[in-house]
Full PDB file with SEQRES, HELIX, SHEET, SSBOND, CRYST1, ORIGX, SCALE, CONECT and MASTER records, all heavy atoms in Angstrom:
SEQRES   1 A   37  GLU PRO GLU PRO PHE ALA ILE ALA GLY ALA THR ILE ALA          
SEQRES   2 A   37  PRO GLY THR ALA ARG ASP VAL ALA PHE GLN ILE THR THR          
SEQRES   3 A   37  LEU ALA THR GLY THR PRO SER ALA LEU ALA ILE                  
SHEET    1 AA1 2 PHE A   5  ILE A   7  0                                        
SHEET    2 AA1 2 ALA A  10  ILE A  12 -1                                        
SHEET    1 AA2 2 ALA A  21  THR A  26  0                                        
SHEET    2 AA2 2 PRO A  32  ALA A  36 -1                                        
CRYST1    1.000    1.000    1.000  90.00  90.00  90.00 P 1           1          
ORIGX1      1.000000  0.000000  0.000000        0.00000                         
ORIGX2      0.000000  1.000000  0.000000        0.00000                         
ORIGX3      0.000000  0.000000  1.000000        0.00000                         
SCALE1      1.000000  0.000000  0.000000        0.00000                         
SCALE2      0.000000  1.000000  0.000000        0.00000                         
SCALE3      0.000000  0.000000  1.000000        0.00000                         
ATOM      1  N   GLU A   1     105.441 297.053 132.884  1.00  0.00           N  
ATOM      2  CA  GLU A   1     104.095 297.227 132.325  1.00  0.00           C  
ATOM      3  C   GLU A   1     103.970 296.251 131.154  1.00  0.00           C  
ATOM      4  O   GLU A   1     104.825 296.170 130.336  1.00  0.00           O  
ATOM      5  CB  GLU A   1     103.922 298.616 131.880  1.00  0.00           C  
ATOM      6  CG  GLU A   1     103.677 299.646 132.973  1.00  0.00           C  
ATOM      7  CD  GLU A   1     102.290 299.454 133.650  1.00  0.00           C  
ATOM      8  OE1 GLU A   1     101.392 299.056 133.003  1.00  0.00           O  
ATOM      9  OE2 GLU A   1     102.302 299.621 134.873  1.00  0.00           O  
ATOM     10  N   PRO A   2     102.852 295.485 131.106  1.00  0.00           N  
ATOM     11  CA  PRO A   2     102.647 294.616 129.951  1.00  0.00           C  
ATOM     12  C   PRO A   2     102.363 295.431 128.761  1.00  0.00           C  
ATOM     13  O   PRO A   2     101.839 296.546 128.792  1.00  0.00           O  
ATOM     14  CB  PRO A   2     101.442 293.804 130.382  1.00  0.00           C  
ATOM     15  CG  PRO A   2     100.714 294.658 131.417  1.00  0.00           C  
ATOM     16  CD  PRO A   2     101.698 295.454 132.077  1.00  0.00           C  
ATOM     17  N   GLU A   3     102.659 294.869 127.575  1.00  0.00           N  
ATOM     18  CA  GLU A   3     102.348 295.498 126.321  1.00  0.00           C  
ATOM     19  C   GLU A   3     100.867 295.214 125.969  1.00  0.00           C  
ATOM     20  O   GLU A   3     100.215 294.273 126.531  1.00  0.00           O  
ATOM     21  CB  GLU A   3     103.154 294.835 125.242  1.00  0.00           C  
ATOM     22  CG  GLU A   3     104.671 295.060 125.406  1.00  0.00           C  
ATOM     23  CD  GLU A   3     105.037 296.552 125.119  1.00  0.00           C  
ATOM     24  OE1 GLU A   3     104.344 297.179 124.287  1.00  0.00           O  
ATOM     25  OE2 GLU A   3     106.022 297.043 125.697  1.00  0.00           O  
ATOM     26  N   PRO A   4     100.277 296.038 125.148  1.00  0.00           N  
ATOM     27  CA  PRO A   4      98.897 295.799 124.668  1.00  0.00           C  
ATOM     28  C   PRO A   4      98.861 294.435 123.948  1.00  0.00           C  
ATOM     29  O   PRO A   4      99.916 294.016 123.437  1.00  0.00           O  
ATOM     30  CB  PRO A   4      98.579 296.959 123.728  1.00  0.00           C  
ATOM     31  CG  PRO A   4      99.529 298.045 124.182  1.00  0.00           C  
ATOM     32  CD  PRO A   4     100.774 297.386 124.662  1.00  0.00           C  
ATOM     33  N   PHE A   5      97.715 293.810 123.972  1.00  0.00           N  
ATOM     34  CA  PHE A   5      97.526 292.488 123.341  1.00  0.00           C  
ATOM     35  C   PHE A   5      96.756 292.683 122.044  1.00  0.00           C  
ATOM     36  O   PHE A   5      95.613 293.229 122.037  1.00  0.00           O  
ATOM     37  CB  PHE A   5      96.737 291.558 124.325  1.00  0.00           C  
ATOM     38  CG  PHE A   5      96.793 290.128 123.899  1.00  0.00           C  
ATOM     39  CD1 PHE A   5      97.796 289.293 124.200  1.00  0.00           C  
ATOM     40  CD2 PHE A   5      95.644 289.621 123.235  1.00  0.00           C  
ATOM     41  CE1 PHE A   5      97.785 287.936 123.893  1.00  0.00           C  
ATOM     42  CE2 PHE A   5      95.669 288.307 122.877  1.00  0.00           C  
ATOM     43  CZ  PHE A   5      96.758 287.432 123.168  1.00  0.00           C  
ATOM     44  N   ALA A   6      97.387 292.219 120.936  1.00  0.00           N  
ATOM     45  CA  ALA A   6      96.773 292.350 119.631  1.00  0.00           C  
ATOM     46  C   ALA A   6      96.170 291.068 119.173  1.00  0.00           C  
ATOM     47  O   ALA A   6      96.837 290.024 119.174  1.00  0.00           O  
ATOM     48  CB  ALA A   6      97.774 292.906 118.624  1.00  0.00           C  
ATOM     49  N   ILE A   7      94.869 291.113 118.696  1.00  0.00           N  
ATOM     50  CA  ILE A   7      94.225 289.915 118.217  1.00  0.00           C  
ATOM     51  C   ILE A   7      92.973 290.310 117.430  1.00  0.00           C  
ATOM     52  O   ILE A   7      92.301 291.262 117.777  1.00  0.00           O  
ATOM     53  CB  ILE A   7      93.740 289.006 119.421  1.00  0.00           C  
ATOM     54  CG1 ILE A   7      93.195 287.643 118.934  1.00  0.00           C  
ATOM     55  CG2 ILE A   7      92.854 289.703 120.431  1.00  0.00           C  
ATOM     56  CD1 ILE A   7      92.901 286.666 119.988  1.00  0.00           C  
ATOM     57  N   ALA A   8      92.789 289.651 116.345  1.00  0.00           N  
ATOM     58  CA  ALA A   8      91.617 289.858 115.429  1.00  0.00           C  
ATOM     59  C   ALA A   8      91.449 291.306 115.058  1.00  0.00           C  
ATOM     60  O   ALA A   8      90.319 291.844 114.961  1.00  0.00           O  
ATOM     61  CB  ALA A   8      90.308 289.382 116.199  1.00  0.00           C  
ATOM     62  N   GLY A   9      92.557 291.928 114.818  1.00  0.00           N  
ATOM     63  CA  GLY A   9      92.508 293.333 114.400  1.00  0.00           C  
ATOM     64  C   GLY A   9      92.256 294.326 115.544  1.00  0.00           C  
ATOM     65  O   GLY A   9      92.112 295.545 115.301  1.00  0.00           O  
ATOM     66  N   ALA A  10      92.104 293.799 116.766  1.00  0.00           N  
ATOM     67  CA  ALA A  10      91.851 294.703 117.914  1.00  0.00           C  
ATOM     68  C   ALA A  10      93.139 294.789 118.820  1.00  0.00           C  
ATOM     69  O   ALA A  10      93.929 293.872 118.840  1.00  0.00           O  
ATOM     70  CB  ALA A  10      90.677 294.175 118.688  1.00  0.00           C  
ATOM     71  N   THR A  11      93.256 295.879 119.493  1.00  0.00           N  
ATOM     72  CA  THR A  11      94.322 296.046 120.477  1.00  0.00           C  
ATOM     73  C   THR A  11      93.765 296.247 121.833  1.00  0.00           C  
ATOM     74  O   THR A  11      92.888 297.162 122.059  1.00  0.00           O  
ATOM     75  CB  THR A  11      95.164 297.261 120.067  1.00  0.00           C  
ATOM     76  OG1 THR A  11      95.735 297.062 118.766  1.00  0.00           O  
ATOM     77  CG2 THR A  11      96.356 297.396 121.090  1.00  0.00           C  
ATOM     78  N   ILE A  12      94.038 295.309 122.751  1.00  0.00           N  
ATOM     79  CA  ILE A  12      93.448 295.347 124.074  1.00  0.00           C  
ATOM     80  C   ILE A  12      94.495 295.887 125.051  1.00  0.00           C  
ATOM     81  O   ILE A  12      95.595 295.369 125.188  1.00  0.00           O  
ATOM     82  CB  ILE A  12      93.005 293.890 124.537  1.00  0.00           C  
ATOM     83  CG1 ILE A  12      91.898 293.434 123.631  1.00  0.00           C  
ATOM     84  CG2 ILE A  12      92.501 293.912 125.975  1.00  0.00           C  
ATOM     85  CD1 ILE A  12      92.303 292.462 122.587  1.00  0.00           C  
ATOM     86  N   ALA A  13      94.203 296.976 125.672  1.00  0.00           N  
ATOM     87  CA  ALA A  13      95.077 297.655 126.665  1.00  0.00           C  
ATOM     88  C   ALA A  13      95.198 296.765 127.938  1.00  0.00           C  
ATOM     89  O   ALA A  13      94.276 296.083 128.320  1.00  0.00           O  
ATOM     90  CB  ALA A  13      94.592 298.992 127.003  1.00  0.00           C  
ATOM     91  N   PRO A  14      96.325 296.907 128.642  1.00  0.00           N  
ATOM     92  CA  PRO A  14      96.494 296.223 129.928  1.00  0.00           C  
ATOM     93  C   PRO A  14      95.404 296.595 130.866  1.00  0.00           C  
ATOM     94  O   PRO A  14      94.954 297.791 130.970  1.00  0.00           O  
ATOM     95  CB  PRO A  14      97.874 296.636 130.384  1.00  0.00           C  
ATOM     96  CG  PRO A  14      98.615 297.010 129.154  1.00  0.00           C  
ATOM     97  CD  PRO A  14      97.583 297.605 128.299  1.00  0.00           C  
ATOM     98  N   GLY A  15      94.842 295.612 131.627  1.00  0.00           N  
ATOM     99  CA  GLY A  15      93.799 295.894 132.605  1.00  0.00           C  
ATOM    100  C   GLY A  15      92.390 295.981 132.032  1.00  0.00           C  
ATOM    101  O   GLY A  15      91.481 296.473 132.733  1.00  0.00           O  
ATOM    102  N   THR A  16      92.233 295.581 130.788  1.00  0.00           N  
ATOM    103  CA  THR A  16      90.902 295.685 130.150  1.00  0.00           C  
ATOM    104  C   THR A  16      90.504 294.341 129.550  1.00  0.00           C  
ATOM    105  O   THR A  16      91.322 293.445 129.403  1.00  0.00           O  
ATOM    106  CB  THR A  16      90.912 296.744 129.085  1.00  0.00           C  
ATOM    107  OG1 THR A  16      91.717 296.399 127.969  1.00  0.00           O  
ATOM    108  CG2 THR A  16      91.352 298.116 129.677  1.00  0.00           C  
ATOM    109  N   ALA A  17      89.236 294.287 129.169  1.00  0.00           N  
ATOM    110  CA  ALA A  17      88.729 293.038 128.515  1.00  0.00           C  
ATOM    111  C   ALA A  17      87.931 293.493 127.269  1.00  0.00           C  
ATOM    112  O   ALA A  17      87.459 294.546 127.222  1.00  0.00           O  
ATOM    113  CB  ALA A  17      87.743 292.307 129.447  1.00  0.00           C  
ATOM    114  N   ARG A  18      87.964 292.589 126.253  1.00  0.00           N  
ATOM    115  CA  ARG A  18      87.277 292.898 125.007  1.00  0.00           C  
ATOM    116  C   ARG A  18      86.807 291.576 124.381  1.00  0.00           C  
ATOM    117  O   ARG A  18      87.518 290.576 124.415  1.00  0.00           O  
ATOM    118  CB  ARG A  18      88.210 293.685 124.150  1.00  0.00           C  
ATOM    119  CG  ARG A  18      87.522 294.093 122.840  1.00  0.00           C  
ATOM    120  CD  ARG A  18      88.314 295.210 122.159  1.00  0.00           C  
ATOM    121  NE  ARG A  18      87.743 295.588 120.883  1.00  0.00           N  
ATOM    122  CZ  ARG A  18      88.198 296.529 120.113  1.00  0.00           C  
ATOM    123  NH1 ARG A  18      89.302 297.206 120.549  1.00  0.00           N  
ATOM    124  NH2 ARG A  18      87.705 296.886 118.936  1.00  0.00           N  
ATOM    125  N   ASP A  19      85.644 291.643 123.756  1.00  0.00           N  
ATOM    126  CA  ASP A  19      85.165 290.484 122.964  1.00  0.00           C  
ATOM    127  C   ASP A  19      85.568 290.712 121.534  1.00  0.00           C  
ATOM    128  O   ASP A  19      85.365 291.748 120.940  1.00  0.00           O  
ATOM    129  CB  ASP A  19      83.622 290.397 123.066  1.00  0.00           C  
ATOM    130  CG  ASP A  19      83.197 290.015 124.488  1.00  0.00           C  
ATOM    131  OD1 ASP A  19      83.995 289.553 125.273  1.00  0.00           O  
ATOM    132  OD2 ASP A  19      82.019 290.277 124.774  1.00  0.00           O  
ATOM    133  N   VAL A  20      86.152 289.645 120.968  1.00  0.00           N  
ATOM    134  CA  VAL A  20      86.613 289.771 119.491  1.00  0.00           C  
ATOM    135  C   VAL A  20      86.035 288.499 118.825  1.00  0.00           C  
ATOM    136  O   VAL A  20      85.519 287.521 119.450  1.00  0.00           O  
ATOM    137  CB  VAL A  20      88.103 289.787 119.437  1.00  0.00           C  
ATOM    138  CG1 VAL A  20      88.714 290.946 120.110  1.00  0.00           C  
ATOM    139  CG2 VAL A  20      88.710 288.469 119.919  1.00  0.00           C  
ATOM    140  N   ALA A  21      86.022 288.509 117.490  1.00  0.00           N  
ATOM    141  CA  ALA A  21      85.487 287.420 116.677  1.00  0.00           C  
ATOM    142  C   ALA A  21      86.360 287.158 115.521  1.00  0.00           C  
ATOM    143  O   ALA A  21      86.824 288.133 114.828  1.00  0.00           O  
ATOM    144  CB  ALA A  21      84.030 287.649 116.354  1.00  0.00           C  
ATOM    145  N   PHE A  22      86.560 285.916 115.092  1.00  0.00           N  
ATOM    146  CA  PHE A  22      87.226 285.557 113.881  1.00  0.00           C  
ATOM    147  C   PHE A  22      86.190 284.928 112.897  1.00  0.00           C  
ATOM    148  O   PHE A  22      85.509 283.989 113.233  1.00  0.00           O  
ATOM    149  CB  PHE A  22      88.292 284.528 114.103  1.00  0.00           C  
ATOM    150  CG  PHE A  22      89.479 285.088 114.852  1.00  0.00           C  
ATOM    151  CD1 PHE A  22      89.643 284.946 116.212  1.00  0.00           C  
ATOM    152  CD2 PHE A  22      90.521 285.688 114.131  1.00  0.00           C  
ATOM    153  CE1 PHE A  22      90.726 285.444 116.866  1.00  0.00           C  
ATOM    154  CE2 PHE A  22      91.635 286.211 114.818  1.00  0.00           C  
ATOM    155  CZ  PHE A  22      91.718 286.122 116.143  1.00  0.00           C  
ATOM    156  N   GLN A  23      86.081 285.555 111.733  1.00  0.00           N  
ATOM    157  CA  GLN A  23      85.131 284.989 110.739  1.00  0.00           C  
ATOM    158  C   GLN A  23      85.717 283.656 110.242  1.00  0.00           C  
ATOM    159  O   GLN A  23      86.913 283.609 109.903  1.00  0.00           O  
ATOM    160  CB  GLN A  23      84.886 285.880 109.570  1.00  0.00           C  
ATOM    161  CG  GLN A  23      83.886 285.358 108.591  1.00  0.00           C  
ATOM    162  CD  GLN A  23      83.383 286.329 107.554  1.00  0.00           C  
ATOM    163  OE1 GLN A  23      83.391 287.559 107.836  1.00  0.00           O  
ATOM    164  NE2 GLN A  23      83.045 285.892 106.418  1.00  0.00           N  
ATOM    165  N   ILE A  24      84.893 282.626 110.229  1.00  0.00           N  
ATOM    166  CA  ILE A  24      85.350 281.359 109.785  1.00  0.00           C  
ATOM    167  C   ILE A  24      85.025 281.076 108.353  1.00  0.00           C  
ATOM    168  O   ILE A  24      85.913 280.845 107.491  1.00  0.00           O  
ATOM    169  CB  ILE A  24      84.777 280.232 110.736  1.00  0.00           C  
ATOM    170  CG1 ILE A  24      85.081 280.514 112.139  1.00  0.00           C  
ATOM    171  CG2 ILE A  24      85.248 278.859 110.250  1.00  0.00           C  
ATOM    172  CD1 ILE A  24      84.303 279.647 113.121  1.00  0.00           C  
ATOM    173  N   THR A  25      83.707 281.080 108.020  1.00  0.00           N  
ATOM    174  CA  THR A  25      83.297 280.696 106.699  1.00  0.00           C  
ATOM    175  C   THR A  25      81.855 281.208 106.536  1.00  0.00           C  
ATOM    176  O   THR A  25      81.341 281.856 107.446  1.00  0.00           O  
ATOM    177  CB  THR A  25      83.314 279.153 106.519  1.00  0.00           C  
ATOM    178  OG1 THR A  25      83.081 278.835 105.154  1.00  0.00           O  
ATOM    179  CG2 THR A  25      82.288 278.490 107.411  1.00  0.00           C  
ATOM    180  N   THR A  26      81.225 280.941 105.398  1.00  0.00           N  
ATOM    181  CA  THR A  26      79.843 281.302 105.209  1.00  0.00           C  
ATOM    182  C   THR A  26      79.022 280.035 105.121  1.00  0.00           C  
ATOM    183  O   THR A  26      79.485 278.982 104.553  1.00  0.00           O  
ATOM    184  CB  THR A  26      79.629 282.145 103.877  1.00  0.00           C  
ATOM    185  OG1 THR A  26      80.230 281.427 102.810  1.00  0.00           O  
ATOM    186  CG2 THR A  26      80.262 283.504 104.029  1.00  0.00           C  
ATOM    187  N   LEU A  27      77.840 280.085 105.687  1.00  0.00           N  
ATOM    188  CA  LEU A  27      76.908 278.920 105.629  1.00  0.00           C  
ATOM    189  C   LEU A  27      76.255 278.808 104.297  1.00  0.00           C  
ATOM    190  O   LEU A  27      76.375 279.670 103.425  1.00  0.00           O  
ATOM    191  CB  LEU A  27      75.909 279.096 106.823  1.00  0.00           C  
ATOM    192  CG  LEU A  27      76.482 279.296 108.221  1.00  0.00           C  
ATOM    193  CD1 LEU A  27      75.374 279.473 109.232  1.00  0.00           C  
ATOM    194  CD2 LEU A  27      77.356 278.127 108.596  1.00  0.00           C  
ATOM    195  N   ALA A  28      75.402 277.782 104.149  1.00  0.00           N  
ATOM    196  CA  ALA A  28      74.684 277.585 102.882  1.00  0.00           C  
ATOM    197  C   ALA A  28      73.782 278.766 102.475  1.00  0.00           C  
ATOM    198  O   ALA A  28      73.536 278.978 101.354  1.00  0.00           O  
ATOM    199  CB  ALA A  28      73.913 276.305 103.036  1.00  0.00           C  
ATOM    200  N   THR A  29      73.312 279.417 103.475  1.00  0.00           N  
ATOM    201  CA  THR A  29      72.452 280.612 103.235  1.00  0.00           C  
ATOM    202  C   THR A  29      73.292 281.874 102.876  1.00  0.00           C  
ATOM    203  O   THR A  29      72.704 282.917 102.576  1.00  0.00           O  
ATOM    204  CB  THR A  29      71.596 280.942 104.482  1.00  0.00           C  
ATOM    205  OG1 THR A  29      72.472 281.178 105.566  1.00  0.00           O  
ATOM    206  CG2 THR A  29      70.720 279.775 104.813  1.00  0.00           C  
ATOM    207  N   GLY A  30      74.619 281.784 102.933  1.00  0.00           N  
ATOM    208  CA  GLY A  30      75.464 282.954 102.761  1.00  0.00           C  
ATOM    209  C   GLY A  30      75.712 283.691 104.019  1.00  0.00           C  
ATOM    210  O   GLY A  30      76.482 284.708 103.948  1.00  0.00           O  
ATOM    211  N   THR A  31      75.157 283.274 105.120  1.00  0.00           N  
ATOM    212  CA  THR A  31      75.338 283.959 106.402  1.00  0.00           C  
ATOM    213  C   THR A  31      76.776 283.703 106.901  1.00  0.00           C  
ATOM    214  O   THR A  31      77.173 282.542 106.983  1.00  0.00           O  
ATOM    215  CB  THR A  31      74.319 283.470 107.450  1.00  0.00           C  
ATOM    216  OG1 THR A  31      73.026 283.552 106.900  1.00  0.00           O  
ATOM    217  CG2 THR A  31      74.469 284.197 108.768  1.00  0.00           C  
ATOM    218  N   PRO A  32      77.490 284.729 107.309  1.00  0.00           N  
ATOM    219  CA  PRO A  32      78.868 284.509 107.876  1.00  0.00           C  
ATOM    220  C   PRO A  32      78.780 283.940 109.235  1.00  0.00           C  
ATOM    221  O   PRO A  32      77.814 284.074 109.986  1.00  0.00           O  
ATOM    222  CB  PRO A  32      79.475 285.891 107.864  1.00  0.00           C  
ATOM    223  CG  PRO A  32      78.301 286.798 107.978  1.00  0.00           C  
ATOM    224  CD  PRO A  32      77.178 286.173 107.251  1.00  0.00           C  
ATOM    225  N   SER A  33      79.823 283.150 109.577  1.00  0.00           N  
ATOM    226  CA  SER A  33      79.945 282.540 110.918  1.00  0.00           C  
ATOM    227  C   SER A  33      81.264 282.958 111.524  1.00  0.00           C  
ATOM    228  O   SER A  33      82.204 283.291 110.830  1.00  0.00           O  
ATOM    229  CB  SER A  33      79.879 281.024 110.843  1.00  0.00           C  
ATOM    230  OG  SER A  33      80.953 280.588 110.002  1.00  0.00           O  
ATOM    231  N   ALA A  34      81.282 283.072 112.898  1.00  0.00           N  
ATOM    232  CA  ALA A  34      82.440 283.656 113.598  1.00  0.00           C  
ATOM    233  C   ALA A  34      82.761 282.845 114.845  1.00  0.00           C  
ATOM    234  O   ALA A  34      81.799 282.375 115.446  1.00  0.00           O  
ATOM    235  CB  ALA A  34      82.265 285.126 113.810  1.00  0.00           C  
ATOM    236  N   LEU A  35      83.962 282.755 115.254  1.00  0.00           N  
ATOM    237  CA  LEU A  35      84.393 282.212 116.502  1.00  0.00           C  
ATOM    238  C   LEU A  35      84.580 283.368 117.501  1.00  0.00           C  
ATOM    239  O   LEU A  35      85.385 284.262 117.250  1.00  0.00           O  
ATOM    240  CB  LEU A  35      85.749 281.510 116.327  1.00  0.00           C  
ATOM    241  CG  LEU A  35      86.374 280.888 117.568  1.00  0.00           C  
ATOM    242  CD1 LEU A  35      85.463 279.778 118.124  1.00  0.00           C  
ATOM    243  CD2 LEU A  35      87.797 280.383 117.313  1.00  0.00           C  
ATOM    244  N   ALA A  36      83.802 283.334 118.593  1.00  0.00           N  
ATOM    245  CA  ALA A  36      83.830 284.466 119.559  1.00  0.00           C  
ATOM    246  C   ALA A  36      84.769 284.125 120.712  1.00  0.00           C  
ATOM    247  O   ALA A  36      84.847 283.059 121.192  1.00  0.00           O  
ATOM    248  CB  ALA A  36      82.410 284.687 120.110  1.00  0.00           C  
ATOM    249  N   ILE A  37      85.542 285.107 121.079  1.00  0.00           N  
ATOM    250  CA  ILE A  37      86.523 285.012 122.127  1.00  0.00           C  
ATOM    251  C   ILE A  37      86.452 286.255 123.011  1.00  0.00           C  
ATOM    252  O   ILE A  37      86.391 287.350 122.551  1.00  0.00           O  
ATOM    253  CB  ILE A  37      87.983 284.894 121.567  1.00  0.00           C  
ATOM    254  CG1 ILE A  37      88.095 283.711 120.555  1.00  0.00           C  
ATOM    255  CG2 ILE A  37      89.066 284.752 122.641  1.00  0.00           C  
ATOM    256  CD1 ILE A  37      89.401 283.720 119.811  1.00  0.00           C  
TER     257      ILE A  37                                                      
MASTER        0    0    0    0    4    0    0    6  256    1    0    3          
END                                                                             
């Protein structure tokens, strides 16, 4: 059995899918930006 996959503070169980995001920086307006995976 595969182990759960840990990324971006989330734990993804085997046989499942999940969208996660890594905050990168803040824009000139102060709005946060993130890399979606």
